[in-house]
Protein backbone atom coordinates (compact mmCIF):
# COMPACT_ATOMS: atom_id res chain seq x y z
CA MET A 1 -11.49 14.71 -80.66
CA THR A 2 -14.84 15.54 -79.06
CA CYS A 3 -16.12 18.60 -77.20
CA GLN A 4 -16.05 17.99 -73.43
CA ILE A 5 -19.10 20.20 -72.98
CA CYS A 6 -21.64 19.06 -75.58
CA GLY A 7 -19.95 15.91 -76.99
CA ALA A 8 -19.87 17.16 -80.60
CA SER A 9 -17.09 15.85 -82.87
CA LEU A 10 -14.37 18.48 -83.45
CA PRO A 11 -12.33 18.74 -86.65
CA VAL A 12 -8.53 18.47 -86.37
CA GLY A 13 -6.99 21.77 -85.25
CA ALA A 14 -10.30 23.31 -84.14
CA MET A 15 -10.00 25.84 -81.33
CA PHE A 16 -13.72 26.10 -80.61
CA CYS A 17 -16.70 23.73 -80.81
CA GLY A 18 -19.03 24.47 -83.70
CA GLY A 19 -21.99 23.10 -81.72
CA CYS A 20 -21.80 25.00 -78.42
CA GLY A 21 -19.02 27.55 -79.01
CA SER A 22 -16.87 26.33 -76.13
CA SER A 23 -13.09 26.24 -76.24
CA ARG A 24 -11.78 22.80 -77.12
CA THR A 25 -9.99 22.75 -73.73
CA ALA A 26 -13.14 23.71 -71.76
CA THR A 27 -14.49 21.25 -69.22
CA ALA A 28 -17.73 21.20 -67.30
CA GLU A 29 -15.73 22.20 -64.19
CA SER A 30 -14.02 25.16 -65.90
CA ARG A 31 -17.39 26.45 -67.20
CA LYS A 32 -18.84 26.86 -63.71
CA ARG A 33 -19.14 30.55 -62.71
CA PRO A 34 -17.51 31.43 -59.42
CA ASP A 35 -19.74 32.80 -56.65
CA PRO A 36 -19.29 36.62 -56.79
CA ARG A 37 -19.78 36.93 -53.03
CA PRO A 38 -18.39 33.74 -51.49
CA ASN A 39 -17.93 35.14 -47.99
CA ASP A 40 -21.41 36.51 -47.25
CA THR A 41 -22.59 33.32 -45.53
CA THR A 42 -20.71 31.67 -42.69
CA ILE A 43 -21.47 28.34 -41.01
CA ILE A 44 -22.46 28.83 -37.41
CA ALA A 45 -22.37 25.84 -35.09
CA ARG A 46 -25.84 24.88 -33.95
CA LEU A 47 -27.11 22.94 -30.97
CA PRO A 48 -29.03 19.75 -31.76
CA ARG A 49 -32.75 20.36 -32.26
CA PRO A 50 -35.01 19.02 -29.47
CA THR A 51 -36.93 15.87 -30.31
CA GLY A 52 -40.26 17.37 -29.20
CA VAL A 53 -40.84 14.81 -26.45
CA ILE A 54 -40.57 16.09 -22.93
CA SER A 55 -40.65 13.50 -20.16
CA VAL A 56 -42.49 14.39 -17.01
CA PRO A 57 -41.69 12.73 -13.67
CA ILE A 58 -44.54 10.81 -12.11
CA PRO A 59 -45.28 11.81 -8.53
CA ALA A 60 -44.93 9.11 -5.89
CA GLY A 61 -48.15 7.21 -5.18
CA VAL A 62 -49.58 7.57 -8.70
CA ALA A 63 -50.47 4.22 -10.24
CA THR A 64 -48.45 3.56 -13.39
CA THR A 65 -49.75 0.11 -14.26
CA ALA A 66 -53.01 -0.87 -15.90
CA PRO A 67 -55.86 -2.18 -13.69
CA THR A 68 -55.63 -5.89 -12.94
CA ALA A 69 -58.62 -6.72 -15.13
CA ALA A 70 -56.90 -5.35 -18.24
CA PRO A 71 -54.18 -7.28 -20.05
CA THR A 72 -50.68 -6.21 -18.93
CA THR A 73 -48.74 -7.12 -22.06
CA ALA A 74 -48.27 -3.51 -23.25
CA PRO A 75 -45.43 -1.66 -21.51
CA THR A 76 -46.40 1.33 -19.42
CA THR A 77 -44.79 4.67 -20.32
CA ALA A 78 -44.58 7.94 -18.45
CA PRO A 79 -46.96 10.63 -19.66
CA THR A 80 -45.47 13.39 -21.82
CA ALA A 81 -46.28 17.06 -21.73
CA ALA A 82 -47.70 18.66 -24.83
CA LEU A 83 -45.43 21.08 -26.63
CA PRO A 84 -46.44 24.71 -26.26
CA SER A 85 -48.31 26.00 -29.26
CA SER A 86 -46.39 28.43 -31.46
CA VAL A 87 -47.31 32.07 -31.49
CA THR A 88 -47.90 33.75 -34.89
CA PHE A 89 -45.74 36.72 -35.75
CA VAL A 90 -46.22 38.87 -38.90
CA MET A 91 -43.21 40.40 -40.65
CA SER A 92 -44.01 43.36 -42.93
CA PHE A 93 -41.08 44.03 -45.30
CA SER A 94 -40.12 47.34 -46.96
CA THR A 95 -40.55 45.46 -50.27
CA GLY A 96 -44.30 45.18 -49.57
CA GLN A 97 -44.10 41.52 -48.68
CA ARG A 98 -46.00 40.30 -45.54
CA VAL A 99 -45.14 36.96 -44.04
CA SER A 100 -46.81 35.17 -41.09
CA VAL A 101 -44.46 32.81 -39.25
CA GLN A 102 -44.89 30.42 -36.35
CA GLY A 103 -41.56 28.66 -36.18
CA SER A 104 -37.99 29.23 -37.26
CA GLY A 105 -36.49 30.41 -40.54
CA LEU A 106 -33.90 32.21 -42.61
CA ILE A 107 -34.17 35.55 -44.41
CA GLY A 108 -31.99 36.64 -47.32
CA ARG A 109 -31.63 37.06 -51.09
CA LYS A 110 -31.29 33.30 -51.49
CA PRO A 111 -31.49 31.74 -47.97
CA LEU A 112 -29.92 28.28 -47.72
CA PRO A 113 -29.72 26.21 -44.53
CA GLN A 114 -26.63 24.17 -43.79
CA PRO A 115 -26.98 20.38 -44.32
CA ASP A 116 -27.57 19.74 -40.60
CA GLU A 117 -30.17 22.54 -40.18
CA ILE A 118 -33.95 22.37 -40.51
CA PHE A 119 -36.12 25.49 -40.72
CA ASP A 120 -39.85 26.05 -41.10
CA ASP A 121 -39.59 29.05 -43.46
CA LEU A 122 -37.12 30.40 -46.00
CA ILE A 123 -38.00 34.02 -46.79
CA TRP A 124 -36.53 35.48 -50.00
CA VAL A 125 -36.00 39.26 -50.12
CA THR A 126 -35.90 40.75 -53.61
CA ASP A 127 -32.82 42.97 -53.71
CA ALA A 128 -31.45 44.01 -57.10
CA ASP A 129 -28.58 45.92 -55.45
CA ARG A 130 -27.50 42.80 -53.55
CA SER A 131 -27.11 44.67 -50.24
CA VAL A 132 -28.90 41.81 -48.44
CA SER A 133 -26.72 38.73 -48.00
CA LYS A 134 -27.80 35.40 -49.42
CA THR A 135 -28.48 34.11 -45.91
CA HIS A 136 -28.65 37.33 -43.94
CA LEU A 137 -30.71 36.59 -40.81
CA GLU A 138 -32.06 33.71 -38.79
CA PHE A 139 -35.25 33.95 -36.72
CA GLY A 140 -37.22 31.78 -34.35
CA GLN A 141 -39.28 31.61 -31.19
CA HIS A 142 -38.58 30.70 -27.60
CA ASP A 143 -41.30 30.66 -24.96
CA GLY A 144 -43.58 32.74 -27.18
CA GLU A 145 -40.97 35.44 -27.83
CA PHE A 146 -39.59 36.27 -31.28
CA TRP A 147 -35.81 36.44 -31.75
CA VAL A 148 -33.38 37.16 -34.59
CA SER A 149 -29.70 36.40 -35.13
CA ASP A 150 -27.42 37.86 -37.80
CA ARG A 151 -25.78 35.11 -39.89
CA VAL A 152 -22.48 37.04 -40.38
CA SER A 153 -24.06 39.14 -43.13
CA GLY A 154 -21.98 41.41 -45.32
CA ASN A 155 -23.80 44.63 -44.39
CA GLY A 156 -24.99 43.75 -40.90
CA THR A 157 -28.32 44.04 -39.14
CA VAL A 158 -29.72 46.83 -36.94
CA ILE A 159 -32.76 46.53 -34.67
CA ARG A 160 -34.90 49.43 -33.42
CA ARG A 161 -37.05 48.35 -30.51
CA PRO A 162 -39.98 50.70 -29.63
CA GLY A 163 -38.76 53.53 -27.39
CA GLU A 164 -35.08 52.47 -27.52
CA THR A 165 -32.00 53.49 -29.51
CA ALA A 166 -30.83 51.52 -32.53
CA GLU A 167 -28.66 48.47 -31.81
CA SER A 168 -26.30 46.69 -34.23
CA LEU A 169 -26.50 42.93 -33.98
CA GLU A 170 -23.45 40.87 -33.05
CA PRO A 171 -23.31 37.95 -35.53
CA GLY A 172 -24.38 34.60 -34.08
CA ARG A 173 -26.09 36.09 -31.00
CA ARG A 174 -29.89 35.93 -30.51
CA TYR A 175 -31.80 39.13 -29.79
CA VAL A 176 -35.39 38.98 -28.43
CA LEU A 177 -37.69 41.44 -30.23
CA PRO A 178 -40.97 42.76 -28.87
CA ARG A 179 -43.80 43.40 -31.34
CA GLY A 180 -43.36 46.73 -33.08
CA THR A 181 -39.60 46.32 -33.52
CA ARG A 182 -38.09 47.41 -36.83
CA VAL A 183 -35.26 45.26 -38.19
CA GLU A 184 -32.93 46.78 -40.80
CA ILE A 185 -31.17 44.28 -43.08
CA ALA A 186 -28.80 46.36 -45.27
CA ASP A 187 -30.95 48.58 -47.58
CA HIS A 188 -34.21 46.81 -46.59
CA SER A 189 -36.19 46.43 -43.40
CA PHE A 190 -39.18 44.69 -41.82
CA SER A 191 -41.30 45.24 -38.76
CA VAL A 192 -42.48 42.56 -36.37
CA ALA A 193 -46.13 42.47 -35.37
């Protein structure tokens, strides 16, 4: 008989492996530790990401073919509009961390996108008390405005916009934040500048 963990040869009647200390009935699957907080991240359905190409209609009367002197073998395509440039936002965390972002991302103790998701930034928050969920918050931009969305976190998210009362976030819903807003994620927080 051999150990299913390390492959060492076990003597007859052995209860434990002399090489790795595992039980003789242990398997690689039984040695995996269960996730202590399996429900602090929930899959939220996402819309498909835009391709980045925006077609623009060509007004009537505008020539769309090459001049007659030029070869006409290449197909003519409609012009495309340039994507708007991203605005930079700075997040200053209560942990002392400062992060500049221009796109989308996730914030948490151990942020992990779903297989069909793509993000520009994954921001890890050091939290020994584990009050912040693994994937606590999603953020991004739309038309130059910064937004956040709670990812069904265990302890929730509260936003404090300048001059307004605190507001608890409804999971899965996007909230636009002006600069100067404070975002509380469990025992930690960050401000948007």
